Amino acid sequence: MARGPVGWTHGDFQPLNLLWRDGRVVAVLDGDRLGVRPYAEEVVRTAQVQFAAEDGRWELERVAAFAAGYRSVVALAREELAAAVERLWWKRMTDFWPLQWHYGKGDHGPDGLWVSGERLLHWWSGHRERVRAAFSLG
C-alpha cells in the first residue's frame, strides 16, 4: 500500500500499454517512464489519456469515478489532485515533444497529436474548474 503522496509510478499508463487475456490485465508494458513522482500526477495524466474524448472534452463522470476509486486505495488530498490538474494543464500548454520527434528524430508518428492536443487544450482551458472539481468528488 502506498504511503505518502510520492512513490513509484508507471508514467505512461494507458490502453496501448496493457495486455489483456480473458478480460483481465496480464501485463503492463513500456516501463521507460517508470519513476518516482507524485501519485496525483499519475492519476491526472492517466485520466487525461483515458477519458479525453476525440473532441477534446473530458468525460468528467468517468474522471470522478476513477479518481474516487484511486483515492479509496491511495490517500490523496483533494488539494494535491487540484494542483496536479493545473500542472498537467500547464505542461500540455507548453509541451513541444511532437516537434522534437518530428524534426529532431525524423519520427512523424506523433504528428497527428497536434490536432487532438489543440482540441484538448481548447476544451480544458474553458473548463478548468470543472476538471479540478471532477478529481475532488467522492
N, C-alpha and C. Protein backbone atom coordinates (compact mmCIF):
# COMPACT_ATOMS: atom_id res chain seq x y z
N MET A 1 0.84 -1.18 0.00
CA MET A 1 0.00 0.00 0.00
C MET A 1 0.89 1.24 0.00
N ALA A 2 0.50 2.21 -0.79
CA ALA A 2 1.26 3.46 -0.89
C ALA A 2 1.19 4.24 0.41
N ARG A 3 2.31 4.82 0.77
CA ARG A 3 2.36 5.68 1.96
C ARG A 3 2.94 7.02 1.52
N GLY A 4 2.19 8.07 1.75
CA GLY A 4 2.65 9.39 1.36
C GLY A 4 2.21 9.75 -0.05
N PRO A 5 2.46 10.98 -0.45
CA PRO A 5 1.97 11.47 -1.74
C PRO A 5 2.86 11.13 -2.93
N VAL A 6 4.05 10.54 -2.69
CA VAL A 6 5.01 10.28 -3.75
C VAL A 6 5.43 8.82 -3.72
N GLY A 7 5.64 8.24 -4.89
CA GLY A 7 6.12 6.87 -4.97
C GLY A 7 6.34 6.45 -6.41
N TRP A 8 6.62 5.18 -6.60
CA TRP A 8 6.88 4.65 -7.94
C TRP A 8 5.59 4.65 -8.76
N THR A 9 5.68 5.18 -9.96
CA THR A 9 4.55 5.18 -10.88
C THR A 9 5.02 4.77 -12.27
N HIS A 10 4.09 4.32 -13.08
CA HIS A 10 4.39 3.87 -14.44
C HIS A 10 4.82 5.02 -15.34
N GLY A 11 4.10 6.13 -15.28
CA GLY A 11 4.43 7.30 -16.07
C GLY A 11 3.77 7.38 -17.43
N ASP A 12 3.21 6.27 -17.91
CA ASP A 12 2.54 6.27 -19.21
C ASP A 12 1.46 5.20 -19.23
N PHE A 13 0.67 5.17 -18.17
CA PHE A 13 -0.36 4.14 -18.05
C PHE A 13 -1.51 4.47 -18.98
N GLN A 14 -1.73 3.62 -19.98
CA GLN A 14 -2.76 3.84 -20.99
C GLN A 14 -3.09 2.51 -21.67
N PRO A 15 -4.18 2.46 -22.43
CA PRO A 15 -4.60 1.20 -23.06
C PRO A 15 -3.54 0.55 -23.94
N LEU A 16 -2.73 1.35 -24.63
CA LEU A 16 -1.71 0.78 -25.51
C LEU A 16 -0.62 0.04 -24.75
N ASN A 17 -0.53 0.28 -23.45
CA ASN A 17 0.50 -0.35 -22.64
C ASN A 17 -0.03 -1.48 -21.76
N LEU A 18 -1.21 -1.98 -22.09
CA LEU A 18 -1.80 -3.09 -21.34
C LEU A 18 -2.02 -4.29 -22.26
N LEU A 19 -1.69 -5.46 -21.77
CA LEU A 19 -2.03 -6.70 -22.47
C LEU A 19 -3.16 -7.37 -21.70
N TRP A 20 -4.19 -7.75 -22.45
CA TRP A 20 -5.38 -8.35 -21.85
C TRP A 20 -5.51 -9.81 -22.29
N ARG A 21 -6.05 -10.63 -21.40
CA ARG A 21 -6.42 -12.00 -21.73
C ARG A 21 -7.64 -12.35 -20.91
N ASP A 22 -8.67 -12.81 -21.59
CA ASP A 22 -9.92 -13.21 -20.91
C ASP A 22 -10.47 -12.11 -20.01
N GLY A 23 -10.40 -10.87 -20.49
CA GLY A 23 -10.97 -9.75 -19.75
C GLY A 23 -10.15 -9.27 -18.57
N ARG A 24 -8.92 -9.74 -18.46
CA ARG A 24 -8.06 -9.34 -17.33
C ARG A 24 -6.74 -8.81 -17.85
N VAL A 25 -6.18 -7.86 -17.15
CA VAL A 25 -4.85 -7.37 -17.49
C VAL A 25 -3.84 -8.43 -17.07
N VAL A 26 -3.01 -8.86 -18.03
CA VAL A 26 -1.99 -9.86 -17.73
C VAL A 26 -0.58 -9.29 -17.77
N ALA A 27 -0.43 -8.09 -18.34
CA ALA A 27 0.89 -7.45 -18.36
C ALA A 27 0.74 -5.95 -18.57
N VAL A 28 1.64 -5.22 -17.97
CA VAL A 28 1.76 -3.78 -18.18
C VAL A 28 3.11 -3.56 -18.86
N LEU A 29 3.07 -2.91 -20.03
CA LEU A 29 4.26 -2.74 -20.85
C LEU A 29 4.81 -1.32 -20.76
N ASP A 30 5.95 -1.12 -21.39
CA ASP A 30 6.52 0.21 -21.65
C ASP A 30 6.92 0.91 -20.36
N GLY A 31 7.96 0.43 -19.73
CA GLY A 31 8.40 0.99 -18.47
C GLY A 31 9.46 2.07 -18.58
N ASP A 32 9.62 2.66 -19.77
CA ASP A 32 10.68 3.66 -19.92
C ASP A 32 10.42 4.95 -19.13
N ARG A 33 9.20 5.17 -18.71
CA ARG A 33 8.89 6.36 -17.90
C ARG A 33 8.69 6.03 -16.42
N LEU A 34 8.97 4.80 -16.06
CA LEU A 34 8.86 4.39 -14.66
C LEU A 34 9.72 5.30 -13.80
N GLY A 35 9.13 5.81 -12.73
CA GLY A 35 9.90 6.70 -11.87
C GLY A 35 9.13 7.07 -10.62
N VAL A 36 9.82 7.76 -9.74
CA VAL A 36 9.21 8.25 -8.50
C VAL A 36 8.67 9.65 -8.78
N ARG A 37 7.37 9.80 -8.54
CA ARG A 37 6.71 11.10 -8.76
C ARG A 37 5.46 11.14 -7.90
N PRO A 38 4.83 12.29 -7.80
CA PRO A 38 3.58 12.38 -7.04
C PRO A 38 2.49 11.48 -7.65
N TYR A 39 1.82 10.72 -6.80
CA TYR A 39 0.73 9.86 -7.28
C TYR A 39 -0.35 10.69 -7.96
N ALA A 40 -0.58 11.89 -7.45
CA ALA A 40 -1.62 12.74 -8.04
C ALA A 40 -1.33 13.02 -9.51
N GLU A 41 -0.07 13.22 -9.85
CA GLU A 41 0.28 13.46 -11.26
C GLU A 41 -0.03 12.24 -12.12
N GLU A 42 0.24 11.06 -11.59
CA GLU A 42 -0.06 9.84 -12.35
C GLU A 42 -1.57 9.68 -12.55
N VAL A 43 -2.34 9.99 -11.51
CA VAL A 43 -3.79 9.89 -11.61
C VAL A 43 -4.33 10.85 -12.67
N VAL A 44 -3.88 12.09 -12.63
CA VAL A 44 -4.40 13.10 -13.56
C VAL A 44 -3.97 12.78 -14.99
N ARG A 45 -2.72 12.41 -15.19
CA ARG A 45 -2.25 12.10 -16.54
C ARG A 45 -2.98 10.88 -17.09
N THR A 46 -3.13 9.85 -16.27
CA THR A 46 -3.84 8.65 -16.72
C THR A 46 -5.28 8.98 -17.08
N ALA A 47 -5.95 9.77 -16.25
CA ALA A 47 -7.33 10.15 -16.55
C ALA A 47 -7.41 10.95 -17.84
N GLN A 48 -6.46 11.83 -18.06
CA GLN A 48 -6.47 12.63 -19.30
C GLN A 48 -6.33 11.72 -20.52
N VAL A 49 -5.44 10.76 -20.45
CA VAL A 49 -5.24 9.84 -21.58
C VAL A 49 -6.46 8.93 -21.76
N GLN A 50 -7.02 8.46 -20.66
CA GLN A 50 -8.13 7.50 -20.72
C GLN A 50 -9.47 8.15 -21.05
N PHE A 51 -9.72 9.35 -20.52
CA PHE A 51 -11.07 9.90 -20.54
C PHE A 51 -11.22 11.21 -21.30
N ALA A 52 -10.27 11.55 -22.14
CA ALA A 52 -10.43 12.70 -23.03
C ALA A 52 -11.00 12.19 -24.35
N ALA A 53 -12.12 12.74 -24.76
CA ALA A 53 -12.80 12.29 -25.99
C ALA A 53 -12.13 12.91 -27.22
N GLU A 54 -12.52 12.42 -28.38
CA GLU A 54 -11.96 12.91 -29.65
C GLU A 54 -12.11 14.41 -29.82
N ASP A 55 -13.20 14.96 -29.30
CA ASP A 55 -13.44 16.40 -29.45
C ASP A 55 -12.70 17.23 -28.40
N GLY A 56 -11.89 16.57 -27.56
CA GLY A 56 -11.11 17.26 -26.55
C GLY A 56 -11.76 17.35 -25.19
N ARG A 57 -13.06 17.07 -25.15
CA ARG A 57 -13.83 17.14 -23.90
C ARG A 57 -13.43 15.98 -22.98
N TRP A 58 -13.30 16.26 -21.70
CA TRP A 58 -13.05 15.21 -20.71
C TRP A 58 -14.39 14.59 -20.32
N GLU A 59 -14.43 13.29 -20.18
CA GLU A 59 -15.61 12.60 -19.68
C GLU A 59 -15.56 12.68 -18.15
N LEU A 60 -16.10 13.76 -17.62
CA LEU A 60 -15.89 14.11 -16.22
C LEU A 60 -16.53 13.13 -15.24
N GLU A 61 -17.62 12.49 -15.62
CA GLU A 61 -18.22 11.49 -14.73
C GLU A 61 -17.26 10.32 -14.55
N ARG A 62 -16.62 9.91 -15.63
CA ARG A 62 -15.65 8.81 -15.55
C ARG A 62 -14.41 9.24 -14.80
N VAL A 63 -13.98 10.48 -15.00
CA VAL A 63 -12.84 11.02 -14.26
C VAL A 63 -13.14 10.97 -12.76
N ALA A 64 -14.32 11.42 -12.37
CA ALA A 64 -14.69 11.44 -10.95
C ALA A 64 -14.70 10.03 -10.37
N ALA A 65 -15.25 9.06 -11.10
CA ALA A 65 -15.27 7.68 -10.62
C ALA A 65 -13.86 7.11 -10.51
N PHE A 66 -13.03 7.38 -11.50
CA PHE A 66 -11.64 6.91 -11.49
C PHE A 66 -10.88 7.51 -10.30
N ALA A 67 -11.00 8.82 -10.13
CA ALA A 67 -10.29 9.49 -9.03
C ALA A 67 -10.78 8.99 -7.68
N ALA A 68 -12.09 8.81 -7.54
CA ALA A 68 -12.64 8.30 -6.27
C ALA A 68 -12.14 6.89 -6.00
N GLY A 69 -12.11 6.06 -7.04
CA GLY A 69 -11.59 4.70 -6.88
C GLY A 69 -10.13 4.70 -6.46
N TYR A 70 -9.34 5.51 -7.09
CA TYR A 70 -7.92 5.61 -6.75
C TYR A 70 -7.76 6.10 -5.31
N ARG A 71 -8.53 7.14 -4.97
CA ARG A 71 -8.43 7.70 -3.62
C ARG A 71 -8.93 6.73 -2.56
N SER A 72 -9.73 5.74 -2.94
CA SER A 72 -10.18 4.74 -1.95
C SER A 72 -9.05 3.79 -1.58
N VAL A 73 -8.01 3.75 -2.39
CA VAL A 73 -6.88 2.85 -2.15
C VAL A 73 -5.63 3.62 -1.71
N VAL A 74 -5.41 4.77 -2.32
CA VAL A 74 -4.24 5.60 -2.02
C VAL A 74 -4.74 6.95 -1.48
N ALA A 75 -4.28 7.30 -0.30
CA ALA A 75 -4.71 8.56 0.31
C ALA A 75 -4.11 9.74 -0.46
N LEU A 76 -4.97 10.46 -1.16
CA LEU A 76 -4.56 11.66 -1.89
C LEU A 76 -5.47 12.80 -1.48
N ALA A 77 -4.87 13.89 -1.07
CA ALA A 77 -5.67 15.06 -0.71
C ALA A 77 -6.25 15.69 -1.96
N ARG A 78 -7.43 16.23 -1.83
CA ARG A 78 -8.07 16.93 -2.96
C ARG A 78 -7.17 18.05 -3.48
N GLU A 79 -6.46 18.70 -2.58
CA GLU A 79 -5.57 19.79 -2.97
C GLU A 79 -4.42 19.28 -3.84
N GLU A 80 -3.92 18.09 -3.53
CA GLU A 80 -2.85 17.50 -4.34
C GLU A 80 -3.34 17.24 -5.76
N LEU A 81 -4.56 16.71 -5.87
CA LEU A 81 -5.11 16.44 -7.20
C LEU A 81 -5.38 17.73 -7.95
N ALA A 82 -5.92 18.74 -7.28
CA ALA A 82 -6.18 20.02 -7.94
C ALA A 82 -4.88 20.63 -8.45
N ALA A 83 -3.83 20.57 -7.66
CA ALA A 83 -2.54 21.11 -8.09
C ALA A 83 -1.98 20.30 -9.26
N ALA A 84 -2.17 18.99 -9.24
CA ALA A 84 -1.69 18.14 -10.34
C ALA A 84 -2.45 18.44 -11.63
N VAL A 85 -3.74 18.74 -11.52
CA VAL A 85 -4.53 19.12 -12.71
C VAL A 85 -3.93 20.37 -13.33
N GLU A 86 -3.62 21.35 -12.51
CA GLU A 86 -3.06 22.61 -13.03
C GLU A 86 -1.67 22.40 -13.62
N ARG A 87 -0.86 21.57 -12.97
CA ARG A 87 0.49 21.31 -13.51
C ARG A 87 0.41 20.62 -14.87
N LEU A 88 -0.49 19.64 -15.01
CA LEU A 88 -0.60 18.95 -16.30
C LEU A 88 -1.17 19.88 -17.36
N TRP A 89 -2.13 20.72 -17.00
CA TRP A 89 -2.65 21.69 -17.97
C TRP A 89 -1.51 22.57 -18.49
N TRP A 90 -0.69 23.07 -17.57
CA TRP A 90 0.42 23.93 -17.98
C TRP A 90 1.43 23.14 -18.83
N LYS A 91 1.69 21.91 -18.44
CA LYS A 91 2.62 21.09 -19.23
C LYS A 91 2.09 20.91 -20.65
N ARG A 92 0.80 20.63 -20.78
CA ARG A 92 0.21 20.46 -22.11
C ARG A 92 0.26 21.77 -22.90
N MET A 93 0.11 22.90 -22.23
CA MET A 93 0.17 24.20 -22.90
C MET A 93 1.56 24.49 -23.45
N THR A 94 2.59 23.94 -22.82
CA THR A 94 3.97 24.28 -23.18
C THR A 94 4.75 23.09 -23.72
N ASP A 95 4.08 22.00 -24.04
CA ASP A 95 4.74 20.76 -24.44
C ASP A 95 4.96 20.71 -25.94
N PHE A 96 6.20 20.58 -26.35
CA PHE A 96 6.52 20.54 -27.78
C PHE A 96 7.18 19.23 -28.19
N TRP A 97 6.96 18.16 -27.42
CA TRP A 97 7.64 16.92 -27.76
C TRP A 97 7.30 16.41 -29.16
N PRO A 98 6.07 16.60 -29.68
CA PRO A 98 5.85 16.14 -31.07
C PRO A 98 6.76 16.85 -32.08
N LEU A 99 7.07 18.12 -31.83
CA LEU A 99 8.01 18.83 -32.71
C LEU A 99 9.41 18.25 -32.59
N GLN A 100 9.81 17.93 -31.37
CA GLN A 100 11.12 17.33 -31.16
C GLN A 100 11.23 15.99 -31.88
N TRP A 101 10.16 15.20 -31.83
CA TRP A 101 10.16 13.91 -32.52
C TRP A 101 10.17 14.13 -34.03
N HIS A 102 9.34 15.06 -34.51
CA HIS A 102 9.22 15.30 -35.95
C HIS A 102 10.54 15.80 -36.54
N TYR A 103 11.09 16.85 -35.95
CA TYR A 103 12.28 17.48 -36.51
C TYR A 103 13.59 16.90 -35.97
N GLY A 104 13.61 16.58 -34.69
CA GLY A 104 14.84 16.09 -34.08
C GLY A 104 15.13 14.63 -34.36
N LYS A 105 14.08 13.82 -34.41
CA LYS A 105 14.24 12.38 -34.61
C LYS A 105 13.80 11.92 -35.98
N GLY A 106 13.14 12.80 -36.72
CA GLY A 106 12.62 12.39 -38.03
C GLY A 106 11.47 11.40 -37.90
N ASP A 107 10.83 11.37 -36.74
CA ASP A 107 9.71 10.45 -36.48
C ASP A 107 8.41 11.23 -36.62
N HIS A 108 7.63 10.88 -37.63
CA HIS A 108 6.39 11.61 -37.90
C HIS A 108 5.17 10.95 -37.25
N GLY A 109 5.39 9.90 -36.48
CA GLY A 109 4.29 9.21 -35.81
C GLY A 109 3.40 10.10 -34.97
N PRO A 110 3.97 10.98 -34.15
CA PRO A 110 3.13 11.84 -33.30
C PRO A 110 2.52 13.05 -34.00
N ASP A 111 2.75 13.23 -35.29
CA ASP A 111 2.23 14.42 -35.98
C ASP A 111 0.73 14.61 -35.79
N GLY A 112 -0.01 13.52 -35.80
CA GLY A 112 -1.46 13.60 -35.66
C GLY A 112 -1.93 14.09 -34.30
N LEU A 113 -1.05 14.13 -33.34
CA LEU A 113 -1.43 14.56 -31.99
C LEU A 113 -1.62 16.07 -31.89
N TRP A 114 -1.16 16.83 -32.87
CA TRP A 114 -1.33 18.28 -32.81
C TRP A 114 -2.79 18.67 -32.82
N VAL A 115 -3.58 18.06 -33.67
CA VAL A 115 -4.99 18.42 -33.77
C VAL A 115 -5.74 18.00 -32.51
N SER A 116 -5.55 16.77 -32.06
CA SER A 116 -6.25 16.32 -30.85
C SER A 116 -5.76 17.10 -29.63
N GLY A 117 -4.48 17.43 -29.60
CA GLY A 117 -3.95 18.23 -28.49
C GLY A 117 -4.55 19.62 -28.44
N GLU A 118 -4.75 20.21 -29.61
CA GLU A 118 -5.38 21.54 -29.66
C GLU A 118 -6.82 21.47 -29.17
N ARG A 119 -7.54 20.44 -29.58
CA ARG A 119 -8.93 20.27 -29.11
C ARG A 119 -8.97 20.12 -27.59
N LEU A 120 -8.07 19.28 -27.08
CA LEU A 120 -7.99 19.05 -25.63
C LEU A 120 -7.74 20.37 -24.90
N LEU A 121 -6.75 21.12 -25.33
CA LEU A 121 -6.42 22.37 -24.65
C LEU A 121 -7.52 23.41 -24.77
N HIS A 122 -8.16 23.46 -25.92
CA HIS A 122 -9.26 24.41 -26.10
C HIS A 122 -10.39 24.11 -25.11
N TRP A 123 -10.81 22.86 -25.03
CA TRP A 123 -11.89 22.50 -24.12
C TRP A 123 -11.45 22.66 -22.67
N TRP A 124 -10.29 22.11 -22.34
CA TRP A 124 -9.79 22.13 -20.96
C TRP A 124 -9.62 23.57 -20.47
N SER A 125 -9.09 24.45 -21.30
CA SER A 125 -8.87 25.84 -20.88
C SER A 125 -10.18 26.54 -20.55
N GLY A 126 -11.25 26.14 -21.19
CA GLY A 126 -12.55 26.73 -20.90
C GLY A 126 -13.30 26.07 -19.76
N HIS A 127 -12.75 24.95 -19.24
CA HIS A 127 -13.45 24.18 -18.20
C HIS A 127 -12.50 23.75 -17.08
N ARG A 128 -11.52 24.56 -16.79
CA ARG A 128 -10.51 24.16 -15.81
C ARG A 128 -11.11 23.87 -14.44
N GLU A 129 -12.03 24.70 -13.99
CA GLU A 129 -12.64 24.48 -12.67
C GLU A 129 -13.43 23.18 -12.65
N ARG A 130 -14.15 22.88 -13.71
CA ARG A 130 -14.92 21.63 -13.78
C ARG A 130 -14.00 20.41 -13.75
N VAL A 131 -12.87 20.50 -14.42
CA VAL A 131 -11.91 19.38 -14.41
C VAL A 131 -11.35 19.21 -13.00
N ARG A 132 -10.93 20.29 -12.38
CA ARG A 132 -10.42 20.20 -10.99
C ARG A 132 -11.48 19.60 -10.07
N ALA A 133 -12.72 20.05 -10.21
CA ALA A 133 -13.80 19.56 -9.35
C ALA A 133 -14.04 18.07 -9.53
N ALA A 134 -13.93 17.58 -10.76
CA ALA A 134 -14.16 16.15 -11.01
C ALA A 134 -13.19 15.28 -10.21
N PHE A 135 -11.98 15.75 -10.02
CA PHE A 135 -11.00 14.97 -9.25
C PHE A 135 -11.25 15.06 -7.75
N SER A 136 -12.09 15.98 -7.32
CA SER A 136 -12.36 16.18 -5.89
C SER A 136 -13.60 15.44 -5.41
N LEU A 137 -14.38 14.90 -6.33
CA LEU A 137 -15.61 14.21 -5.94
C LEU A 137 -15.28 12.86 -5.31
N GLY A 138 -16.22 12.37 -4.52
CA GLY A 138 -16.07 11.03 -3.95
C GLY A 138 -15.33 10.99 -2.65
